[in-house]
Amino acid sequence: MRLIWTLLFMLAGSAALAASPEDDYIAARDKAIADIAAQESANAPVETLDAQNVKAMADLEKRLSALLGPLAVEGFPATGTVNLQSLSDSDIGFGMLDGLRYTTRDDGPSLVATTRWLAERWLKSRADETDENLKLPAGIDAALKLDAFYTQAIGADAAFVKTLDFGLNKPEGADMAIARLGGWTQDVGPIYDQQVIVTLVKGDRVMIAEAPA
């Protein structure tokens, strides 16, 4: 429980994210996706597609950094990298939650931060999915209680499976706080490497922190 309260305390006490027009980011992201899809349809070389993807991702990361502002959560860097892993719908990591990921090392704690508007817009796109395996509730309260949310939002190539939920009292000023114990898997069977995921919705912010249990 100490890890849960540590993560929750850090998130609840973090500085507010600066307000900024998310529509500009969405327009740039959708244009980049359409441009890459057009290149794929034209059978562009893989090297061209990769270069275009890297350039577009760097632009989106810059836009998100300006939108979110510097992070002020103890134990995490002030700047992050784009949470999306690809802008090609044929790649693993396409369609993840729009936001920035903060971490100091690959096997250490990580945090994904976004705005509530971006999170709710992303959920609406999932609610409109025709594939039942990808469908999520449009409401953030319901979505955060589902394994599928974490699988699609912050997991690129593995599914999150909950072991248990922790009961929490919301920190002052928070709209929602959820803590879960679970693991990432690509197969059936026991998951020995367990993670604690703490999600906080506070005003215009949504932050998802993950750390080894």
N, C-alpha and C. Protein backbone atom coordinates (compact mmCIF):
# COMPACT_ATOMS: atom_id res chain seq x y z
N MET A 1 0.82 -1.21 0.00
CA MET A 1 0.00 0.00 0.00
C MET A 1 0.85 1.27 0.00
N ARG A 2 2.10 1.17 0.52
CA ARG A 2 2.94 2.36 0.57
C ARG A 2 3.19 2.92 -0.82
N LEU A 3 3.44 2.01 -1.80
CA LEU A 3 3.68 2.45 -3.17
C LEU A 3 2.46 3.18 -3.72
N ILE A 4 1.28 2.67 -3.44
CA ILE A 4 0.05 3.30 -3.93
C ILE A 4 -0.08 4.71 -3.39
N TRP A 5 0.11 4.85 -2.08
CA TRP A 5 -0.05 6.18 -1.48
C TRP A 5 1.05 7.13 -1.93
N THR A 6 2.25 6.60 -2.16
CA THR A 6 3.33 7.45 -2.67
C THR A 6 2.98 8.00 -4.04
N LEU A 7 2.52 7.12 -4.94
CA LEU A 7 2.13 7.57 -6.28
C LEU A 7 0.97 8.54 -6.21
N LEU A 8 -0.02 8.23 -5.39
CA LEU A 8 -1.21 9.07 -5.29
C LEU A 8 -0.85 10.44 -4.74
N PHE A 9 0.01 10.47 -3.73
CA PHE A 9 0.43 11.75 -3.14
C PHE A 9 1.16 12.61 -4.16
N MET A 10 2.05 11.98 -4.93
CA MET A 10 2.81 12.73 -5.93
C MET A 10 1.89 13.30 -7.00
N LEU A 11 0.93 12.49 -7.45
CA LEU A 11 0.03 12.95 -8.50
C LEU A 11 -0.88 14.06 -7.99
N ALA A 12 -1.43 13.87 -6.80
CA ALA A 12 -2.39 14.83 -6.27
C ALA A 12 -1.73 16.18 -5.99
N GLY A 13 -0.45 16.16 -5.66
CA GLY A 13 0.23 17.41 -5.32
C GLY A 13 0.95 18.05 -6.47
N SER A 14 0.81 17.51 -7.68
CA SER A 14 1.55 18.04 -8.82
C SER A 14 0.95 19.35 -9.30
N ALA A 15 1.76 20.09 -10.03
CA ALA A 15 1.32 21.38 -10.54
C ALA A 15 0.28 21.20 -11.64
N ALA A 16 -0.56 22.20 -11.79
CA ALA A 16 -1.61 22.14 -12.80
C ALA A 16 -1.01 22.18 -14.19
N LEU A 17 -1.67 21.52 -15.13
CA LEU A 17 -1.25 21.57 -16.52
C LEU A 17 -1.82 22.83 -17.17
N ALA A 18 -1.03 23.44 -18.01
CA ALA A 18 -1.48 24.66 -18.65
C ALA A 18 -2.58 24.36 -19.67
N ALA A 19 -3.58 25.23 -19.72
CA ALA A 19 -4.66 25.07 -20.70
C ALA A 19 -4.15 25.50 -22.07
N SER A 20 -4.61 24.82 -23.13
CA SER A 20 -4.15 25.13 -24.47
C SER A 20 -5.11 24.49 -25.47
N PRO A 21 -5.15 24.98 -26.72
CA PRO A 21 -6.11 24.44 -27.69
C PRO A 21 -5.74 23.04 -28.17
N GLU A 22 -6.48 22.04 -27.70
CA GLU A 22 -6.22 20.66 -28.11
C GLU A 22 -6.63 20.40 -29.55
N ASP A 23 -7.56 21.21 -30.08
CA ASP A 23 -8.02 21.00 -31.45
C ASP A 23 -6.88 21.07 -32.46
N ASP A 24 -5.92 21.96 -32.22
CA ASP A 24 -4.79 22.09 -33.14
C ASP A 24 -3.96 20.80 -33.16
N TYR A 25 -3.79 20.22 -31.98
CA TYR A 25 -3.05 18.96 -31.90
C TYR A 25 -3.78 17.85 -32.66
N ILE A 26 -5.09 17.73 -32.43
CA ILE A 26 -5.87 16.68 -33.10
C ILE A 26 -5.81 16.85 -34.61
N ALA A 27 -5.92 18.09 -35.08
CA ALA A 27 -5.87 18.34 -36.53
C ALA A 27 -4.52 17.92 -37.10
N ALA A 28 -3.43 18.24 -36.39
CA ALA A 28 -2.10 17.87 -36.86
C ALA A 28 -1.91 16.35 -36.84
N ARG A 29 -2.42 15.71 -35.79
CA ARG A 29 -2.31 14.25 -35.70
C ARG A 29 -3.07 13.56 -36.83
N ASP A 30 -4.31 13.99 -37.05
CA ASP A 30 -5.13 13.36 -38.08
C ASP A 30 -4.55 13.58 -39.48
N LYS A 31 -3.98 14.76 -39.70
CA LYS A 31 -3.34 15.02 -41.00
C LYS A 31 -2.13 14.12 -41.20
N ALA A 32 -1.34 13.94 -40.14
CA ALA A 32 -0.16 13.08 -40.24
C ALA A 32 -0.57 11.64 -40.52
N ILE A 33 -1.63 11.17 -39.86
CA ILE A 33 -2.12 9.80 -40.09
C ILE A 33 -2.58 9.65 -41.54
N ALA A 34 -3.32 10.65 -42.04
CA ALA A 34 -3.81 10.59 -43.42
C ALA A 34 -2.66 10.62 -44.42
N ASP A 35 -1.65 11.45 -44.15
CA ASP A 35 -0.50 11.54 -45.06
C ASP A 35 0.25 10.22 -45.13
N ILE A 36 0.44 9.58 -43.98
CA ILE A 36 1.15 8.30 -43.96
C ILE A 36 0.32 7.22 -44.64
N ALA A 37 -0.99 7.23 -44.43
CA ALA A 37 -1.86 6.26 -45.10
C ALA A 37 -1.79 6.43 -46.62
N ALA A 38 -1.73 7.68 -47.08
CA ALA A 38 -1.63 7.94 -48.52
C ALA A 38 -0.31 7.42 -49.07
N GLN A 39 0.77 7.61 -48.31
CA GLN A 39 2.08 7.11 -48.74
C GLN A 39 2.08 5.58 -48.79
N GLU A 40 1.43 4.95 -47.82
CA GLU A 40 1.35 3.49 -47.82
C GLU A 40 0.56 2.99 -49.03
N SER A 41 -0.53 3.68 -49.35
CA SER A 41 -1.34 3.29 -50.51
C SER A 41 -0.56 3.44 -51.81
N ALA A 42 0.37 4.40 -51.82
CA ALA A 42 1.20 4.63 -53.01
C ALA A 42 2.43 3.74 -53.02
N ASN A 43 2.51 2.80 -52.05
CA ASN A 43 3.64 1.86 -51.97
C ASN A 43 4.98 2.58 -51.82
N ALA A 44 4.99 3.61 -50.98
CA ALA A 44 6.24 4.33 -50.72
C ALA A 44 7.22 3.40 -50.02
N PRO A 45 8.52 3.61 -50.21
CA PRO A 45 9.53 2.77 -49.55
C PRO A 45 9.39 2.84 -48.02
N VAL A 46 9.76 1.76 -47.37
CA VAL A 46 9.68 1.70 -45.91
C VAL A 46 10.49 2.83 -45.28
N GLU A 47 11.65 3.12 -45.86
CA GLU A 47 12.50 4.18 -45.32
C GLU A 47 11.79 5.53 -45.35
N THR A 48 11.03 5.78 -46.41
CA THR A 48 10.27 7.03 -46.53
C THR A 48 9.18 7.09 -45.48
N LEU A 49 8.48 5.98 -45.30
CA LEU A 49 7.40 5.92 -44.31
C LEU A 49 7.95 6.11 -42.90
N ASP A 50 9.07 5.46 -42.61
CA ASP A 50 9.66 5.58 -41.28
C ASP A 50 10.09 7.02 -41.00
N ALA A 51 10.70 7.65 -41.99
CA ALA A 51 11.16 9.03 -41.81
C ALA A 51 9.98 9.97 -41.60
N GLN A 52 8.90 9.75 -42.35
CA GLN A 52 7.72 10.59 -42.20
C GLN A 52 7.08 10.39 -40.84
N ASN A 53 7.05 9.14 -40.38
CA ASN A 53 6.47 8.85 -39.06
C ASN A 53 7.28 9.52 -37.95
N VAL A 54 8.60 9.41 -38.03
CA VAL A 54 9.47 10.01 -37.01
C VAL A 54 9.30 11.52 -36.98
N LYS A 55 9.25 12.14 -38.15
CA LYS A 55 9.09 13.60 -38.22
C LYS A 55 7.75 14.04 -37.65
N ALA A 56 6.69 13.32 -38.00
CA ALA A 56 5.36 13.68 -37.51
C ALA A 56 5.24 13.46 -36.01
N MET A 57 5.83 12.37 -35.51
CA MET A 57 5.77 12.10 -34.08
C MET A 57 6.52 13.18 -33.29
N ALA A 58 7.63 13.64 -33.83
CA ALA A 58 8.38 14.71 -33.17
C ALA A 58 7.55 15.99 -33.11
N ASP A 59 6.83 16.28 -34.18
CA ASP A 59 5.97 17.46 -34.20
C ASP A 59 4.85 17.34 -33.17
N LEU A 60 4.23 16.16 -33.08
CA LEU A 60 3.15 15.95 -32.12
C LEU A 60 3.67 16.03 -30.68
N GLU A 61 4.86 15.50 -30.46
CA GLU A 61 5.46 15.58 -29.13
C GLU A 61 5.68 17.04 -28.73
N LYS A 62 6.14 17.83 -29.67
CA LYS A 62 6.36 19.26 -29.40
C LYS A 62 5.04 19.96 -29.08
N ARG A 63 4.00 19.62 -29.83
CA ARG A 63 2.69 20.23 -29.59
C ARG A 63 2.14 19.84 -28.23
N LEU A 64 2.28 18.56 -27.88
CA LEU A 64 1.79 18.10 -26.58
C LEU A 64 2.58 18.73 -25.44
N SER A 65 3.88 18.89 -25.63
CA SER A 65 4.71 19.50 -24.59
C SER A 65 4.27 20.94 -24.34
N ALA A 66 3.94 21.66 -25.42
CA ALA A 66 3.46 23.03 -25.26
C ALA A 66 2.08 23.05 -24.62
N LEU A 67 1.27 22.07 -24.96
CA LEU A 67 -0.10 22.00 -24.45
C LEU A 67 -0.13 21.66 -22.96
N LEU A 68 0.69 20.68 -22.57
CA LEU A 68 0.66 20.20 -21.19
C LEU A 68 1.56 21.01 -20.26
N GLY A 69 2.61 21.61 -20.80
CA GLY A 69 3.55 22.31 -19.94
C GLY A 69 4.46 21.33 -19.22
N PRO A 70 5.44 21.83 -18.47
CA PRO A 70 6.36 20.93 -17.76
C PRO A 70 5.66 20.17 -16.64
N LEU A 71 6.05 18.92 -16.46
CA LEU A 71 5.49 18.10 -15.39
C LEU A 71 6.20 18.43 -14.08
N ALA A 72 5.44 18.45 -13.00
CA ALA A 72 6.03 18.72 -11.68
C ALA A 72 5.59 17.62 -10.72
N VAL A 73 6.04 16.40 -11.00
CA VAL A 73 5.75 15.25 -10.14
C VAL A 73 7.08 14.67 -9.69
N GLU A 74 7.30 14.61 -8.40
CA GLU A 74 8.57 14.13 -7.85
C GLU A 74 8.88 12.72 -8.35
N GLY A 75 10.11 12.52 -8.77
CA GLY A 75 10.54 11.21 -9.24
C GLY A 75 10.42 11.01 -10.73
N PHE A 76 9.84 12.00 -11.43
CA PHE A 76 9.69 11.90 -12.88
C PHE A 76 10.31 13.12 -13.54
N PRO A 77 10.82 12.97 -14.78
CA PRO A 77 11.40 14.12 -15.47
C PRO A 77 10.35 15.16 -15.82
N ALA A 78 10.79 16.39 -16.03
CA ALA A 78 9.86 17.47 -16.36
C ALA A 78 9.32 17.36 -17.78
N THR A 79 10.08 16.72 -18.66
CA THR A 79 9.67 16.58 -20.06
C THR A 79 9.43 15.11 -20.38
N GLY A 80 8.51 14.88 -21.31
CA GLY A 80 8.17 13.51 -21.66
C GLY A 80 8.26 13.27 -23.16
N THR A 81 7.96 12.05 -23.55
CA THR A 81 7.93 11.68 -24.97
C THR A 81 6.50 11.30 -25.33
N VAL A 82 6.17 11.44 -26.60
CA VAL A 82 4.80 11.18 -27.03
C VAL A 82 4.42 9.73 -26.73
N ASN A 83 3.21 9.54 -26.20
CA ASN A 83 2.76 8.21 -25.81
C ASN A 83 2.41 7.35 -27.02
N LEU A 84 2.03 7.98 -28.12
CA LEU A 84 1.76 7.24 -29.35
C LEU A 84 3.04 6.54 -29.81
N GLN A 85 2.91 5.37 -30.38
CA GLN A 85 4.10 4.66 -30.86
C GLN A 85 4.18 4.59 -32.37
N SER A 86 3.07 4.85 -33.05
CA SER A 86 3.09 4.88 -34.51
C SER A 86 1.86 5.62 -35.01
N LEU A 87 2.00 6.20 -36.20
CA LEU A 87 0.88 6.88 -36.85
C LEU A 87 0.36 6.08 -38.04
N SER A 88 0.85 4.85 -38.17
CA SER A 88 0.37 3.96 -39.22
C SER A 88 -0.57 2.93 -38.60
N ASP A 89 -1.77 2.81 -39.16
CA ASP A 89 -2.74 1.89 -38.57
C ASP A 89 -2.39 0.42 -38.79
N SER A 90 -1.29 0.16 -39.49
CA SER A 90 -0.85 -1.22 -39.66
C SER A 90 0.22 -1.60 -38.64
N ASP A 91 0.61 -0.65 -37.79
CA ASP A 91 1.68 -0.89 -36.82
C ASP A 91 1.13 -1.14 -35.42
N ILE A 92 1.87 -1.93 -34.63
CA ILE A 92 1.57 -2.07 -33.21
C ILE A 92 1.84 -0.73 -32.54
N GLY A 93 0.96 -0.33 -31.65
CA GLY A 93 1.12 0.94 -30.96
C GLY A 93 0.36 2.09 -31.59
N PHE A 94 -0.37 1.79 -32.68
CA PHE A 94 -1.20 2.83 -33.30
C PHE A 94 -2.46 3.04 -32.46
N GLY A 95 -2.87 4.29 -32.31
CA GLY A 95 -4.14 4.58 -31.65
C GLY A 95 -4.11 4.61 -30.14
N MET A 96 -2.91 4.69 -29.55
CA MET A 96 -2.83 4.77 -28.09
C MET A 96 -3.30 6.15 -27.62
N LEU A 97 -3.44 6.30 -26.31
CA LEU A 97 -3.95 7.54 -25.74
C LEU A 97 -3.03 8.71 -26.08
N ASP A 98 -3.62 9.81 -26.51
CA ASP A 98 -2.86 11.02 -26.80
C ASP A 98 -2.35 11.63 -25.50
N GLY A 99 -1.06 11.74 -25.37
CA GLY A 99 -0.47 12.30 -24.16
C GLY A 99 1.03 12.14 -24.20
N LEU A 100 1.67 12.47 -23.09
CA LEU A 100 3.12 12.33 -22.97
C LEU A 100 3.44 11.30 -21.91
N ARG A 101 4.49 10.53 -22.17
CA ARG A 101 4.96 9.51 -21.23
C ARG A 101 6.26 10.00 -20.59
N TYR A 102 6.31 9.89 -19.27
CA TYR A 102 7.48 10.34 -18.51
C TYR A 102 8.08 9.14 -17.79
N THR A 103 9.38 8.94 -17.95
CA THR A 103 10.07 7.86 -17.25
C THR A 103 11.56 8.13 -17.26
N THR A 104 12.26 7.56 -16.31
CA THR A 104 13.71 7.72 -16.27
C THR A 104 14.43 6.51 -16.83
N ARG A 105 13.74 5.37 -16.88
CA ARG A 105 14.34 4.16 -17.46
C ARG A 105 13.22 3.21 -17.88
N ASP A 106 13.55 2.30 -18.79
CA ASP A 106 12.54 1.43 -19.38
C ASP A 106 11.86 0.53 -18.36
N ASP A 107 12.60 0.06 -17.35
CA ASP A 107 12.03 -0.89 -16.40
C ASP A 107 11.61 -0.23 -15.09
N GLY A 108 11.57 1.10 -15.08
CA GLY A 108 11.20 1.82 -13.86
C GLY A 108 9.80 2.38 -13.92
N PRO A 109 9.43 3.17 -12.93
CA PRO A 109 8.10 3.80 -12.93
C PRO A 109 7.90 4.68 -14.16
N SER A 110 6.67 4.75 -14.62
CA SER A 110 6.34 5.62 -15.75
C SER A 110 5.04 6.35 -15.45
N LEU A 111 4.83 7.43 -16.16
CA LEU A 111 3.61 8.22 -15.97
C LEU A 111 3.17 8.74 -17.33
N VAL A 112 1.90 8.59 -17.63
CA VAL A 112 1.31 9.15 -18.84
C VAL A 112 0.37 10.27 -18.42
N ALA A 113 0.59 11.45 -18.97
CA ALA A 113 -0.24 12.61 -18.64
C ALA A 113 -0.95 13.10 -19.90
N THR A 114 -2.19 13.51 -19.72
CA THR A 114 -2.95 14.08 -20.82
C THR A 114 -3.98 15.03 -20.23
N THR A 115 -4.76 15.66 -21.08
CA THR A 115 -5.85 16.49 -20.58
C THR A 115 -7.13 15.66 -20.57
N ARG A 116 -8.07 16.10 -19.78
CA ARG A 116 -9.34 15.37 -19.72
C ARG A 116 -10.05 15.43 -21.07
N TRP A 117 -9.93 16.57 -21.75
CA TRP A 117 -10.57 16.71 -23.06
C TRP A 117 -10.01 15.71 -24.05
N LEU A 118 -8.68 15.57 -24.09
CA LEU A 118 -8.08 14.60 -25.00
C LEU A 118 -8.45 13.17 -24.62
N ALA A 119 -8.48 12.88 -23.32
CA ALA A 119 -8.85 11.53 -22.88
C ALA A 119 -10.30 11.22 -23.26
N GLU A 120 -11.19 12.17 -23.05
CA GLU A 120 -12.60 11.93 -23.36
C GLU A 120 -12.83 11.84 -24.87
N ARG A 121 -12.08 12.61 -25.63
CA ARG A 121 -12.20 12.53 -27.09
C ARG A 121 -11.70 11.17 -27.58
N TRP A 122 -10.60 10.70 -26.99
CA TRP A 122 -10.06 9.38 -27.34
C TRP A 122 -11.06 8.28 -26.99
N LEU A 123 -11.70 8.41 -25.82
CA LEU A 123 -12.69 7.41 -25.42
C LEU A 123 -13.90 7.42 -26.35
N LYS A 124 -14.30 8.59 -26.81
CA LYS A 124 -15.43 8.65 -27.74
C LYS A 124 -15.11 7.89 -29.02
N SER A 125 -13.86 8.01 -29.49
CA SER A 125 -13.49 7.28 -30.71
C SER A 125 -13.53 5.78 -30.46
N ARG A 126 -13.21 5.36 -29.24
CA ARG A 126 -13.28 3.93 -28.90
C ARG A 126 -14.73 3.47 -28.72
N ALA A 127 -15.58 4.34 -28.23
CA ALA A 127 -16.99 3.99 -28.07
C ALA A 127 -17.66 3.79 -29.42
N ASP A 128 -17.13 4.46 -30.45
CA ASP A 128 -17.69 4.36 -31.80
C ASP A 128 -17.11 3.19 -32.59
N GLU A 129 -16.19 2.44 -31.99
CA GLU A 129 -15.56 1.32 -32.69
C GLU A 129 -16.58 0.25 -33.07
N THR A 130 -16.44 -0.30 -34.26
CA THR A 130 -17.30 -1.41 -34.68
C THR A 130 -16.74 -2.75 -34.21
N ASP A 131 -15.43 -2.79 -33.95
CA ASP A 131 -14.80 -4.01 -33.43
C ASP A 131 -15.06 -4.08 -31.92
N GLU A 132 -15.82 -5.07 -31.49
CA GLU A 132 -16.19 -5.19 -30.08
C GLU A 132 -14.98 -5.35 -29.18
N ASN A 133 -13.89 -5.90 -29.70
CA ASN A 133 -12.68 -6.08 -28.90
C ASN A 133 -12.00 -4.75 -28.57
N LEU A 134 -12.30 -3.72 -29.34
CA LEU A 134 -11.68 -2.41 -29.13
C LEU A 134 -12.64 -1.40 -28.51
N LYS A 135 -13.89 -1.78 -28.37
CA LYS A 135 -14.92 -0.85 -27.90
C LYS A 135 -14.74 -0.55 -26.41
N LEU A 136 -14.83 0.72 -26.04
CA LEU A 136 -14.74 1.17 -24.66
C LEU A 136 -15.90 2.10 -24.35
N PRO A 137 -16.26 2.25 -23.08
CA PRO A 137 -17.30 3.23 -22.73
C PRO A 137 -16.83 4.65 -23.04
N ALA A 138 -17.76 5.51 -23.39
CA ALA A 138 -17.41 6.90 -23.66
C ALA A 138 -17.11 7.66 -22.38
N GLY A 139 -17.69 7.24 -21.27
CA GLY A 139 -17.48 7.92 -20.00
C GLY A 139 -16.19 7.51 -19.32
N ILE A 140 -15.43 8.49 -18.85
CA ILE A 140 -14.12 8.19 -18.27
C ILE A 140 -14.25 7.41 -16.96
N ASP A 141 -15.29 7.66 -16.18
CA ASP A 141 -15.47 6.95 -14.92
C ASP A 141 -15.58 5.44 -15.14
N ALA A 142 -16.39 5.05 -16.13
CA ALA A 142 -16.57 3.63 -16.42
C ALA A 142 -15.34 3.03 -17.08
N ALA A 143 -14.70 3.78 -17.97
CA ALA A 143 -13.56 3.25 -18.72
C ALA A 143 -12.38 2.93 -17.82
N LEU A 144 -12.12 3.77 -16.82
CA LEU A 144 -10.95 3.57 -15.97
C LEU A 144 -11.04 2.32 -15.12
N LYS A 145 -12.20 1.71 -15.05
CA LYS A 145 -12.38 0.49 -14.26
C LYS A 145 -12.17 -0.78 -15.08
N LEU A 146 -11.83 -0.61 -16.37
CA LEU A 146 -11.71 -1.76 -17.27
C LEU A 146 -10.26 -2.03 -17.64
N ASP A 147 -9.89 -3.31 -17.69
CA ASP A 147 -8.55 -3.69 -18.14
C ASP A 147 -8.29 -3.20 -19.56
N ALA A 148 -9.32 -3.24 -20.40
CA ALA A 148 -9.16 -2.87 -21.80
C ALA A 148 -8.72 -1.42 -21.97
N PHE A 149 -9.11 -0.56 -21.03
CA PHE A 149 -8.68 0.84 -21.12
C PHE A 149 -7.16 0.93 -21.04
N TYR A 150 -6.57 0.27 -20.06
CA TYR A 150 -5.12 0.35 -19.87
C TYR A 150 -4.38 -0.36 -21.01
N THR A 151 -4.96 -1.46 -21.49
CA THR A 151 -4.36 -2.17 -22.62
C THR A 151 -4.25 -1.25 -23.83
N GLN A 152 -5.33 -0.55 -24.14
CA GLN A 152 -5.34 0.29 -25.34
C GLN A 152 -4.68 1.64 -25.14
N ALA A 153 -4.76 2.18 -23.93
CA ALA A 153 -4.25 3.52 -23.68
C ALA A 153 -2.74 3.57 -23.51
N ILE A 154 -2.18 2.62 -22.74
CA ILE A 154 -0.75 2.71 -22.42
C ILE A 154 0.03 1.45 -22.74
N GLY A 155 -0.63 0.40 -23.23
CA GLY A 155 0.07 -0.84 -23.57
C GLY A 155 0.19 -0.98 -25.08
N ALA A 156 1.40 -1.19 -25.57
CA ALA A 156 1.59 -1.26 -27.02
C ALA A 156 1.40 -2.68 -27.55
N ASP A 157 2.00 -3.66 -26.89
CA ASP A 157 2.01 -5.01 -27.46
C ASP A 157 1.63 -6.08 -26.45
N ALA A 158 0.97 -5.70 -25.36
CA ALA A 158 0.54 -6.67 -24.36
C ALA A 158 -0.76 -6.19 -23.73
N ALA A 159 -1.48 -7.13 -23.14
CA ALA A 159 -2.76 -6.82 -22.50
C ALA A 159 -2.57 -6.69 -21.00
N PHE A 160 -3.26 -5.72 -20.41
CA PHE A 160 -3.23 -5.57 -18.95
C PHE A 160 -4.34 -6.44 -18.35
N VAL A 161 -3.98 -7.21 -17.32
CA VAL A 161 -4.95 -8.06 -16.63
C VAL A 161 -4.91 -7.72 -15.15
N LYS A 162 -6.04 -7.32 -14.62
CA LYS A 162 -6.12 -6.91 -13.22
C LYS A 162 -6.04 -8.12 -12.30
N THR A 163 -5.27 -7.96 -11.22
CA THR A 163 -5.26 -8.94 -10.14
C THR A 163 -6.26 -8.53 -9.07
N LEU A 164 -6.23 -7.24 -8.70
CA LEU A 164 -7.20 -6.72 -7.74
C LEU A 164 -7.21 -5.20 -7.80
N ASP A 165 -8.31 -4.63 -7.31
CA ASP A 165 -8.44 -3.18 -7.15
C ASP A 165 -8.23 -2.83 -5.69
N PHE A 166 -7.58 -1.69 -5.45
CA PHE A 166 -7.40 -1.19 -4.09
C PHE A 166 -8.47 -0.14 -3.80
N GLY A 167 -9.04 -0.19 -2.62
CA GLY A 167 -9.98 0.85 -2.22
C GLY A 167 -9.22 2.12 -1.85
N LEU A 168 -9.66 3.25 -2.39
CA LEU A 168 -8.98 4.52 -2.14
C LEU A 168 -9.97 5.60 -1.76
N ASN A 169 -9.53 6.50 -0.91
CA ASN A 169 -10.26 7.74 -0.70
C ASN A 169 -9.65 8.79 -1.63
N LYS A 170 -10.50 9.50 -2.35
CA LYS A 170 -10.00 10.49 -3.29
C LYS A 170 -9.24 11.60 -2.55
N PRO A 171 -8.08 12.00 -3.07
CA PRO A 171 -7.40 13.16 -2.50
C PRO A 171 -8.26 14.41 -2.67
N GLU A 172 -8.02 15.39 -1.83
CA GLU A 172 -8.78 16.64 -1.92
C GLU A 172 -8.60 17.27 -3.30
N GLY A 173 -9.69 17.64 -3.92
CA GLY A 173 -9.65 18.29 -5.23
C GLY A 173 -9.68 17.33 -6.39
N ALA A 174 -9.56 16.03 -6.14
CA ALA A 174 -9.56 15.04 -7.22
C ALA A 174 -10.99 14.65 -7.58
N ASP A 175 -11.22 14.40 -8.86
CA ASP A 175 -12.53 13.94 -9.31
C ASP A 175 -12.63 12.42 -9.26
N MET A 176 -11.49 11.75 -9.43
CA MET A 176 -11.49 10.29 -9.45
C MET A 176 -10.09 9.78 -9.16
N ALA A 177 -9.99 8.70 -8.40
CA ALA A 177 -8.70 8.07 -8.12
C ALA A 177 -8.90 6.56 -8.08
N ILE A 178 -8.09 5.85 -8.84
CA ILE A 178 -8.20 4.39 -8.94
C ILE A 178 -6.81 3.79 -8.82
N ALA A 179 -6.69 2.73 -8.04
CA ALA A 179 -5.42 2.00 -7.93
C ALA A 179 -5.68 0.53 -8.22
N ARG A 180 -4.85 -0.05 -9.09
CA ARG A 180 -5.03 -1.44 -9.48
C ARG A 180 -3.69 -2.17 -9.42
N LEU A 181 -3.76 -3.43 -9.06
CA LEU A 181 -2.62 -4.32 -9.14
C LEU A 181 -2.89 -5.29 -10.29
N GLY A 182 -1.90 -5.47 -11.14
CA GLY A 182 -2.09 -6.37 -12.27
C GLY A 182 -0.80 -6.54 -13.04
N GLY A 183 -0.90 -7.12 -14.21
CA GLY A 183 0.30 -7.36 -15.00
C GLY A 183 0.01 -7.33 -16.48
N TRP A 184 1.09 -7.27 -17.26
CA TRP A 184 1.00 -7.26 -18.72
C TRP A 184 1.31 -8.65 -19.25
N THR A 185 0.54 -9.09 -20.22
CA THR A 185 0.73 -10.45 -20.73
C THR A 185 0.41 -10.53 -22.22
N GLN A 186 1.05 -11.46 -22.88
CA GLN A 186 0.74 -11.79 -24.27
C GLN A 186 0.22 -13.22 -24.37
N ASP A 187 -0.06 -13.83 -23.23
CA ASP A 187 -0.46 -15.23 -23.20
C ASP A 187 -1.38 -15.46 -22.01
N VAL A 188 -1.92 -16.67 -21.90
CA VAL A 188 -2.72 -17.03 -20.74
C VAL A 188 -1.81 -17.62 -19.67
N GLY A 189 -2.28 -17.61 -18.43
CA GLY A 189 -1.48 -18.17 -17.34
C GLY A 189 -1.12 -17.11 -16.32
N PRO A 190 -0.44 -17.53 -15.25
CA PRO A 190 -0.08 -16.60 -14.17
C PRO A 190 0.83 -15.47 -14.67
N ILE A 191 0.66 -14.29 -14.08
CA ILE A 191 1.51 -13.14 -14.40
C ILE A 191 2.32 -12.84 -13.14
N TYR A 192 3.60 -13.14 -13.19
CA TYR A 192 4.42 -13.02 -11.99
C TYR A 192 4.96 -11.61 -11.78
N ASP A 193 5.17 -10.87 -12.87
CA ASP A 193 5.65 -9.49 -12.75
C ASP A 193 4.45 -8.56 -12.60
N GLN A 194 4.13 -8.22 -11.38
CA GLN A 194 2.96 -7.40 -11.10
C GLN A 194 3.32 -5.91 -11.06
N GLN A 195 2.38 -5.10 -11.51
CA GLN A 195 2.54 -3.65 -11.54
C GLN A 195 1.41 -3.00 -10.74
N VAL A 196 1.71 -1.86 -10.16
CA VAL A 196 0.67 -1.03 -9.55
C VAL A 196 0.40 0.13 -10.50
N ILE A 197 -0.86 0.32 -10.85
CA ILE A 197 -1.26 1.44 -11.70
C ILE A 197 -2.20 2.33 -10.90
N VAL A 198 -1.83 3.59 -10.78
CA VAL A 198 -2.66 4.58 -10.08
C VAL A 198 -3.08 5.64 -11.09
N THR A 199 -4.38 5.84 -11.21
CA THR A 199 -4.92 6.83 -12.15
C THR A 199 -5.63 7.93 -11.37
N LEU A 200 -5.30 9.16 -11.70
CA LEU A 200 -5.91 10.31 -11.03
C LEU A 200 -6.52 11.24 -12.07
N VAL A 201 -7.78 11.59 -11.85
CA VAL A 201 -8.45 12.60 -12.66
C VAL A 201 -8.68 13.80 -11.75
N LYS A 202 -8.09 14.92 -12.12
CA LYS A 202 -8.16 16.11 -11.27
C LYS A 202 -8.29 17.33 -12.15
N GLY A 203 -9.48 17.92 -12.16
CA GLY A 203 -9.71 19.08 -13.01
C GLY A 203 -9.51 18.72 -14.47
N ASP A 204 -8.60 19.42 -15.13
CA ASP A 204 -8.33 19.20 -16.55
C ASP A 204 -7.27 18.13 -16.78
N ARG A 205 -6.82 17.48 -15.74
CA ARG A 205 -5.72 16.52 -15.88
C ARG A 205 -6.18 15.08 -15.73
N VAL A 206 -5.54 14.21 -16.50
CA VAL A 206 -5.64 12.77 -16.30
C VAL A 206 -4.21 12.25 -16.28
N MET A 207 -3.83 11.57 -15.19
CA MET A 207 -2.48 11.04 -15.08
C MET A 207 -2.54 9.58 -14.67
N ILE A 208 -1.77 8.77 -15.37
CA ILE A 208 -1.72 7.33 -15.12
C ILE A 208 -0.28 6.96 -14.77
N ALA A 209 -0.05 6.62 -13.51
CA ALA A 209 1.29 6.26 -13.05
C ALA A 209 1.37 4.75 -12.89
N GLU A 210 2.51 4.19 -13.28
CA GLU A 210 2.72 2.74 -13.20
C GLU A 210 4.09 2.47 -12.60
N ALA A 211 4.15 1.49 -11.69
CA ALA A 211 5.43 1.14 -11.07
C ALA A 211 5.41 -0.34 -10.71
N PRO A 212 6.58 -0.99 -10.72
CA PRO A 212 6.64 -2.39 -10.30
C PRO A 212 6.15 -2.53 -8.86
N ALA A 213 5.36 -3.58 -8.61
CA ALA A 213 4.81 -3.79 -7.27
C ALA A 213 5.89 -4.27 -6.31
